[in-house]
C-alpha atoms as a PDB file:
ATOM      1  CA  MET A   1     -39.746  -8.696  48.994  1.00  0.00           C
ATOM      2  CA  VAL A   2     -39.464  -8.541  45.215  1.00  0.00           C
ATOM      3  CA  ASP A   3     -39.697 -11.623  43.000  1.00  0.00           C
ATOM      4  CA  PRO A   4     -37.737 -10.755  39.828  1.00  0.00           C
ATOM      5  CA  LEU A   5     -39.797 -13.275  37.870  1.00  0.00           C
ATOM      6  CA  SER A   6     -42.891 -11.154  38.480  1.00  0.00           C
ATOM      7  CA  LEU A   7     -41.313  -8.560  36.178  1.00  0.00           C
ATOM      8  CA  SER A   8     -41.090  -8.573  32.383  1.00  0.00           C
ATOM      9  CA  TRP A   9     -37.847  -9.919  30.904  1.00  0.00           C
ATOM     10  CA  ARG A  10     -39.022 -10.940  27.441  1.00  0.00           C
ATOM     11  CA  SER A  11     -38.439  -7.809  25.385  1.00  0.00           C
ATOM     12  CA  GLY A  12     -36.674  -4.485  25.421  1.00  0.00           C
ATOM     13  CA  THR A  13     -33.188  -3.281  26.195  1.00  0.00           C
ATOM     14  CA  ASP A  14     -31.286  -2.475  29.378  1.00  0.00           C
ATOM     15  CA  LEU A  15     -33.790  -4.622  31.243  1.00  0.00           C
ATOM     16  CA  LEU A  16     -31.975  -4.703  34.575  1.00  0.00           C
ATOM     17  CA  ALA A  17     -32.059  -0.910  34.857  1.00  0.00           C
ATOM     18  CA  ARG A  18     -35.599  -0.599  33.479  1.00  0.00           C
ATOM     19  CA  ASN A  19     -37.111  -3.107  35.880  1.00  0.00           C
ATOM     20  CA  ALA A  20     -35.064  -1.799  38.796  1.00  0.00           C
ATOM     21  CA  ARG A  21     -36.397   1.722  38.172  1.00  0.00           C
ATOM     22  CA  SER A  22     -39.935   0.373  37.997  1.00  0.00           C
ATOM     23  CA  VAL A  23     -39.601  -1.432  41.332  1.00  0.00           C
ATOM     24  CA  ALA A  24     -37.868   1.550  42.967  1.00  0.00           C
ATOM     25  CA  GLU A  25     -40.713   3.846  41.920  1.00  0.00           C
ATOM     26  CA  SER A  26     -43.335   1.428  43.254  1.00  0.00           C
ATOM     27  CA  ILE A  27     -41.757   1.064  46.711  1.00  0.00           C
ATOM     28  CA  LEU A  28     -40.174   4.486  47.188  1.00  0.00           C
ATOM     29  CA  ASP A  29     -42.792   5.798  49.627  1.00  0.00           C
ATOM     30  CA  ARG A  30     -42.246   2.716  51.837  1.00  0.00           C
ATOM     31  CA  VAL A  31     -38.444   2.674  51.813  1.00  0.00           C
ATOM     32  CA  PRO A  32     -36.726   4.039  54.937  1.00  0.00           C
ATOM     33  CA  ALA A  33     -33.562   6.107  54.849  1.00  0.00           C
ATOM     34  CA  ARG A  34     -30.474   4.006  54.036  1.00  0.00           C
ATOM     35  CA  PRO A  35     -32.288   0.682  53.599  1.00  0.00           C
ATOM     36  CA  ILE A  36     -30.474  -2.650  53.714  1.00  0.00           C
ATOM     37  CA  LEU A  37     -31.006  -4.633  50.512  1.00  0.00           C
ATOM     38  CA  LEU A  38     -30.665  -8.399  50.366  1.00  0.00           C
ATOM     39  CA  GLY A  39     -30.156 -10.345  47.146  1.00  0.00           C
ATOM     40  CA  GLN A  40     -29.537 -14.044  46.654  1.00  0.00           C
ATOM     41  CA  CYS A  41     -28.025 -16.202  43.936  1.00  0.00           C
ATOM     42  CA  SER A  42     -29.224 -15.125  40.468  1.00  0.00           C
ATOM     43  CA  GLY A  43     -30.962 -12.129  42.040  1.00  0.00           C
ATOM     44  CA  ALA A  44     -27.655 -10.494  43.002  1.00  0.00           C
ATOM     45  CA  ASN A  45     -27.356  -8.386  39.859  1.00  0.00           C
ATOM     46  CA  PHE A  46     -30.956  -7.219  40.125  1.00  0.00           C
ATOM     47  CA  THR A  47     -30.454  -6.248  43.763  1.00  0.00           C
ATOM     48  CA  ILE A  48     -27.398  -4.206  42.798  1.00  0.00           C
ATOM     49  CA  SER A  49     -29.378  -2.534  39.997  1.00  0.00           C
ATOM     50  CA  LEU A  50     -32.177  -1.778  42.462  1.00  0.00           C
ATOM     51  CA  ALA A  51     -29.626  -0.178  44.781  1.00  0.00           C
ATOM     52  CA  ALA A  52     -28.544   2.113  41.943  1.00  0.00           C
ATOM     53  CA  ALA A  53     -32.160   2.987  41.103  1.00  0.00           C
ATOM     54  CA  LEU A  54     -32.974   3.799  44.723  1.00  0.00           C
ATOM     55  CA  SER A  55     -29.866   5.975  44.910  1.00  0.00           C
ATOM     56  CA  ASP A  56     -31.050   7.902  41.844  1.00  0.00           C
ATOM     57  CA  ALA A  57     -34.407   8.391  43.559  1.00  0.00           C
ATOM     58  CA  GLY A  58     -32.829   9.788  46.723  1.00  0.00           C
ATOM     59  CA  ARG A  59     -32.915   6.604  48.830  1.00  0.00           C
ATOM     60  CA  PRO A  60     -29.350   5.244  48.672  1.00  0.00           C
ATOM     61  CA  PRO A  61     -29.005   1.926  50.498  1.00  0.00           C
ATOM     62  CA  GLY A  62     -27.011   1.743  53.690  1.00  0.00           C
ATOM     63  CA  ALA A  63     -25.647  -1.689  52.750  1.00  0.00           C
ATOM     64  CA  LEU A  64     -26.040  -4.604  50.393  1.00  0.00           C
ATOM     65  CA  LEU A  65     -26.182  -8.161  51.707  1.00  0.00           C
ATOM     66  CA  ILE A  66     -25.537 -10.601  48.870  1.00  0.00           C
ATOM     67  CA  VAL A  67     -25.974 -14.331  49.535  1.00  0.00           C
ATOM     68  CA  ASP A  68     -24.258 -16.791  47.172  1.00  0.00           C
ATOM     69  CA  PRO A  69     -24.116 -14.397  44.204  1.00  0.00           C
ATOM     70  CA  LEU A  70     -24.263 -16.219  40.878  1.00  0.00           C
ATOM     71  CA  GLN A  71     -22.455 -14.936  37.808  1.00  0.00           C
ATOM     72  CA  VAL A  72     -24.723 -15.589  34.833  1.00  0.00           C
ATOM     73  CA  THR A  73     -22.874 -16.640  31.673  1.00  0.00           C
ATOM     74  CA  PRO A  74     -23.961 -18.017  28.267  1.00  0.00           C
ATOM     75  CA  GLU A  75     -22.725 -21.410  29.448  1.00  0.00           C
ATOM     76  CA  LEU A  76     -24.956 -21.270  32.507  1.00  0.00           C
ATOM     77  CA  LEU A  77     -27.903 -20.240  30.334  1.00  0.00           C
ATOM     78  CA  GLY A  78     -27.354 -23.323  28.168  1.00  0.00           C
ATOM     79  CA  GLU A  79     -27.101 -25.593  31.194  1.00  0.00           C
ATOM     80  CA  GLU A  80     -30.342 -24.223  32.626  1.00  0.00           C
ATOM     81  CA  ALA A  81     -32.154 -24.597  29.295  1.00  0.00           C
ATOM     82  CA  ALA A  82     -31.045 -28.233  29.001  1.00  0.00           C
ATOM     83  CA  ALA A  83     -32.096 -28.934  32.589  1.00  0.00           C
ATOM     84  CA  LEU A  84     -35.558 -27.490  31.990  1.00  0.00           C
ATOM     85  CA  VAL A  85     -36.014 -29.616  28.875  1.00  0.00           C
ATOM     86  CA  GLY A  86     -35.287 -32.614  31.090  1.00  0.00           C
ATOM     87  CA  ARG A  87     -37.814 -31.522  33.697  1.00  0.00           C
ATOM     88  CA  LEU A  88     -40.447 -31.307  30.974  1.00  0.00           C
ATOM     89  CA  GLY A  89     -39.683 -34.885  29.999  1.00  0.00           C
ATOM     90  CA  GLY A  90     -37.676 -34.120  26.889  1.00  0.00           C
ATOM     91  CA  ASP A  91     -34.799 -36.393  25.912  1.00  0.00           C
ATOM     92  CA  GLU A  92     -31.108 -35.569  25.652  1.00  0.00           C
ATOM     93  CA  GLU A  93     -31.333 -35.122  21.898  1.00  0.00           C
ATOM     94  CA  LEU A  94     -33.923 -32.369  22.303  1.00  0.00           C
ATOM     95  CA  ALA A  95     -31.887 -30.787  25.099  1.00  0.00           C
ATOM     96  CA  ARG A  96     -28.824 -30.657  22.839  1.00  0.00           C
ATOM     97  CA  ALA A  97     -30.905 -29.187  20.017  1.00  0.00           C
ATOM     98  CA  VAL A  98     -32.279 -26.486  22.298  1.00  0.00           C
ATOM     99  CA  VAL A  99     -28.836 -25.529  23.593  1.00  0.00           C
ATOM    100  CA  ALA A 100     -27.342 -25.556  20.094  1.00  0.00           C
ATOM    101  CA  GLY A 101     -30.145 -23.337  18.804  1.00  0.00           C
ATOM    102  CA  LEU A 102     -30.002 -20.696  21.544  1.00  0.00           C
ATOM    103  CA  PRO A 103     -29.732 -17.236  19.947  1.00  0.00           C
ATOM    104  CA  GLY A 104     -26.076 -16.267  19.985  1.00  0.00           C
ATOM    105  CA  ASP A 105     -26.710 -12.803  21.417  1.00  0.00           C
ATOM    106  CA  ALA A 106     -29.046 -14.164  24.117  1.00  0.00           C
ATOM    107  CA  SER A 107     -31.511 -11.370  23.255  1.00  0.00           C
ATOM    108  CA  PRO A 108     -34.566 -11.765  25.532  1.00  0.00           C
ATOM    109  CA  SER A 109     -37.047 -11.245  22.679  1.00  0.00           C
ATOM    110  CA  ARG A 110     -35.355 -13.771  20.384  1.00  0.00           C
ATOM    111  CA  LEU A 111     -34.783 -16.164  23.249  1.00  0.00           C
ATOM    112  CA  SER A 112     -38.411 -16.104  24.391  1.00  0.00           C
ATOM    113  CA  ALA A 113     -39.729 -16.764  20.881  1.00  0.00           C
ATOM    114  CA  PHE A 114     -37.280 -19.611  20.362  1.00  0.00           C
ATOM    115  CA  LEU A 115     -37.936 -21.272  23.718  1.00  0.00           C
ATOM    116  CA  ASP A 116     -41.722 -20.810  23.557  1.00  0.00           C
ATOM    117  CA  GLU A 117     -41.737 -22.878  20.400  1.00  0.00           C
ATOM    118  CA  LYS A 118     -39.328 -25.575  21.573  1.00  0.00           C
ATOM    119  CA  PHE A 119     -40.760 -25.978  25.064  1.00  0.00           C
ATOM    120  CA  HIS A 120     -44.406 -25.902  24.012  1.00  0.00           C
ATOM    121  CA  THR A 121     -44.073 -29.053  21.934  1.00  0.00           C
ATOM    122  CA  VAL A 122     -42.542 -31.116  24.731  1.00  0.00           C
ATOM    123  CA  ALA A 123     -44.931 -29.627  27.317  1.00  0.00           C
ATOM    124  CA  MET A 124     -47.947 -30.669  25.259  1.00  0.00           C
ATOM    125  CA  GLN A 125     -46.531 -34.189  25.070  1.00  0.00           C
ATOM    126  CA  ARG A 126     -46.122 -34.169  28.854  1.00  0.00           C
ATOM    127  CA  VAL A 127     -49.722 -33.148  29.593  1.00  0.00           C
ATOM    128  CA  ALA A 128     -51.225 -35.410  26.940  1.00  0.00           C
ATOM    129  CA  GLY A 129     -51.515 -38.239  29.456  1.00  0.00           C
ATOM    130  CA  LEU A 130     -53.398 -36.183  32.054  1.00  0.00           C
ATOM    131  CA  ASP A 131     -56.858 -36.803  30.581  1.00  0.00           C
ATOM    132  CA  LEU A 132     -57.506 -33.097  29.990  1.00  0.00           C
ATOM    133  CA  ASP A 133     -59.607 -31.546  27.280  1.00  0.00           C
ATOM    134  CA  GLU A 134     -57.638 -29.806  24.532  1.00  0.00           C
ATOM    135  CA  GLU A 135     -58.104 -26.255  25.799  1.00  0.00           C
ATOM    136  CA  THR A 136     -57.170 -27.132  29.364  1.00  0.00           C
ATOM    137  CA  ALA A 137     -54.119 -29.035  28.158  1.00  0.00           C
ATOM    138  CA  LYS A 138     -52.991 -25.993  26.158  1.00  0.00           C
ATOM    139  CA  THR A 139     -53.499 -23.747  29.177  1.00  0.00           C
ATOM    140  CA  VAL A 140     -51.490 -26.030  31.453  1.00  0.00           C
ATOM    141  CA  ALA A 141     -48.690 -26.341  28.910  1.00  0.00           C
ATOM    142  CA  HIS A 142     -48.665 -22.577  28.376  1.00  0.00           C
ATOM    143  CA  ASP A 143     -48.414 -21.872  32.110  1.00  0.00           C
ATOM    144  CA  ILE A 144     -45.574 -24.361  32.576  1.00  0.00           C
ATOM    145  CA  VAL A 145     -43.643 -23.103  29.576  1.00  0.00           C
ATOM    146  CA  GLY A 146     -44.243 -19.485  30.517  1.00  0.00           C
ATOM    147  CA  ARG A 147     -42.584 -19.829  33.906  1.00  0.00           C
ATOM    148  CA  TYR A 148     -39.595 -21.645  32.434  1.00  0.00           C
ATOM    149  CA  VAL A 149     -39.138 -19.106  29.640  1.00  0.00           C
ATOM    150  CA  ASP A 150     -39.473 -16.196  32.081  1.00  0.00           C
ATOM    151  CA  TRP A 151     -36.668 -17.702  34.170  1.00  0.00           C
ATOM    152  CA  LEU A 152     -34.339 -18.130  31.186  1.00  0.00           C
ATOM    153  CA  CYS A 153     -35.085 -14.623  29.903  1.00  0.00           C
ATOM    154  CA  PHE A 154     -34.280 -13.245  33.353  1.00  0.00           C
ATOM    155  CA  LEU A 155     -30.901 -14.968  33.146  1.00  0.00           C
ATOM    156  CA  ALA A 156     -30.376 -13.739  29.588  1.00  0.00           C
ATOM    157  CA  ALA A 157     -31.030 -10.145  30.644  1.00  0.00           C
ATOM    158  CA  GLN A 158     -28.094 -10.414  33.019  1.00  0.00           C
ATOM    159  CA  ILE A 159     -25.830 -11.409  30.141  1.00  0.00           C
ATOM    160  CA  THR A 160     -26.875  -8.677  27.732  1.00  0.00           C
ATOM    161  CA  THR A 161     -27.181  -5.802  30.237  1.00  0.00           C
ATOM    162  CA  ALA A 162     -24.746  -5.017  33.013  1.00  0.00           C
ATOM    163  CA  ALA A 163     -25.689  -3.932  36.510  1.00  0.00           C
ATOM    164  CA  ARG A 164     -24.798  -0.319  37.298  1.00  0.00           C
ATOM    165  CA  PRO A 165     -21.960   0.139  39.782  1.00  0.00           C
ATOM    166  CA  VAL A 166     -22.979   1.154  43.300  1.00  0.00           C
ATOM    167  CA  THR A 167     -20.973   2.427  46.244  1.00  0.00           C
ATOM    168  CA  ALA A 168     -22.849   0.993  49.208  1.00  0.00           C
ATOM    169  CA  PRO A 169     -20.889  -1.268  51.583  1.00  0.00           C
ATOM    170  CA  THR A 170     -21.337  -4.792  50.261  1.00  0.00           C
ATOM    171  CA  TYR A 171     -21.315  -7.947  52.379  1.00  0.00           C
ATOM    172  CA  LEU A 172     -21.001 -11.355  50.743  1.00  0.00           C
ATOM    173  CA  VAL A 173     -21.977 -14.612  52.422  1.00  0.00           C
ATOM    174  CA  GLY A 174     -22.311 -18.259  51.489  1.00  0.00           C
ATOM    175  CA  PRO A 175     -20.214 -20.904  49.726  1.00  0.00           C
ATOM    176  CA  LEU A 176     -20.176 -18.960  46.417  1.00  0.00           C
ATOM    177  CA  ALA A 177     -19.042 -15.708  48.024  1.00  0.00           C
ATOM    178  CA  ALA A 178     -15.328 -16.294  47.511  1.00  0.00           C
ATOM    179  CA  GLU A 179     -15.824 -17.119  43.820  1.00  0.00           C
ATOM    180  CA  SER A 180     -17.754 -13.896  43.305  1.00  0.00           C
ATOM    181  CA  LEU A 181     -14.691 -11.834  44.195  1.00  0.00           C
ATOM    182  CA  ALA A 182     -13.539 -12.445  40.628  1.00  0.00           C
ATOM    183  CA  TRP A 183     -16.398 -10.391  39.162  1.00  0.00           C
ATOM    184  CA  LEU A 184     -18.430  -8.509  41.774  1.00  0.00           C
ATOM    185  CA  PRO A 185     -15.808  -5.801  42.511  1.00  0.00           C
ATOM    186  CA  ASP A 186     -16.389  -4.463  38.991  1.00  0.00           C
ATOM    187  CA  ILE A 187     -20.051  -3.899  39.884  1.00  0.00           C
ATOM    188  CA  VAL A 188     -19.620  -2.532  43.384  1.00  0.00           C
ATOM    189  CA  ALA A 189     -17.003  -0.095  42.153  1.00  0.00           C
ATOM    190  CA  GLY A 190     -16.043   2.500  44.719  1.00  0.00           C
ATOM    191  CA  ALA A 191     -17.212   0.414  47.645  1.00  0.00           C
ATOM    192  CA  ASP A 192     -14.939  -1.254  50.122  1.00  0.00           C
ATOM    193  CA  ALA A 193     -13.559  -4.460  48.655  1.00  0.00           C
ATOM    194  CA  PRO A 194     -16.205  -7.131  49.309  1.00  0.00           C
ATOM    195  CA  ASP A 195     -15.139  -9.512  52.034  1.00  0.00           C
ATOM    196  CA  PRO A 196     -16.893 -12.888  52.244  1.00  0.00           C
ATOM    197  CA  LEU A 197     -18.386 -13.599  55.656  1.00  0.00           C
ATOM    198  CA  GLU A 198     -19.303 -16.983  57.025  1.00  0.00           C
ATOM    199  CA  ASP A 199     -23.056 -16.656  57.321  1.00  0.00           C
ATOM    200  CA  VAL A 200     -26.003 -14.288  57.113  1.00  0.00           C
ATOM    201  CA  SER A 201     -26.175 -13.710  60.886  1.00  0.00           C
ATOM    202  CA  THR A 202     -22.544 -12.559  60.939  1.00  0.00           C
ATOM    203  CA  ALA A 203     -23.189 -10.163  58.059  1.00  0.00           C
ATOM    204  CA  VAL A 204     -26.327  -8.760  59.669  1.00  0.00           C
ATOM    205  CA  ALA A 205     -24.452  -8.209  62.943  1.00  0.00           C
ATOM    206  CA  ARG A 206     -21.762  -6.318  61.051  1.00  0.00           C
ATOM    207  CA  ILE A 207     -24.321  -4.180  59.224  1.00  0.00           C
ATOM    208  CA  LEU A 208     -26.150  -3.331  62.444  1.00  0.00           C
ATOM    209  CA  GLU A 209     -23.002  -2.233  64.245  1.00  0.00           C
ATOM    210  CA  PRO A 210     -23.139   1.497  65.069  1.00  0.00           C
ATOM    211  CA  THR A 211     -20.325   2.183  62.591  1.00  0.00           C
ATOM    212  CA  GLY A 212     -22.119   0.135  59.938  1.00  0.00           C
ATOM    213  CA  ALA A 213     -24.693   2.858  59.413  1.00  0.00           C
ATOM    214  CA  THR A 214     -22.040   5.149  58.009  1.00  0.00           C
ATOM    215  CA  GLY A 215     -20.352   2.545  55.894  1.00  0.00           C
ATOM    216  CA  ASP A 216     -17.151   2.792  57.967  1.00  0.00           C
ATOM    217  CA  ARG A 217     -16.102  -0.824  58.378  1.00  0.00           C
ATOM    218  CA  ARG A 218     -12.698  -0.409  60.032  1.00  0.00           C
END
């Protein structure tokens, strides 16, 4: 299991491919032939990038199982930023200011610097009532802000860098599966057209069918 937020999304270019290569290299000696990769929600693009990286390393996946894939857009990034301001206790005025000030290119390095500054102020206000000494309060605020900024930079990386197309059979499940048909086929180019299935157990049964190992889904 790979937590994308354990990776670095705050600086650099082509971050999806770079981090996918890093993960592929770290797990290659433990990956069986034709592994099944599972990605969920905002992790869909990273899972697809990991599939491409494993293919480059000689371990092409046998199938991709994508649960409720989420298309990340600048609008979604703004909504998430506003929601996190609210969770920190900031008011609507601050939330609007944060969204309005988001770097237009959603560059991870610019975004992280901008959000570190904006979120730190409201985080310090939030921990001020916890009866902590100054250093501890700064540490707590830093840890809270860091996790939030990492999350938003992860989303931003999916806007500024595209996942590489892969050809593994792709199974989509969950309520968002049908919506993803508008954008996922561009990423799983060359694969059978994704067909939303009702639930994970149905998809797993399909993948484990004898014909599933070859990618023949007729």
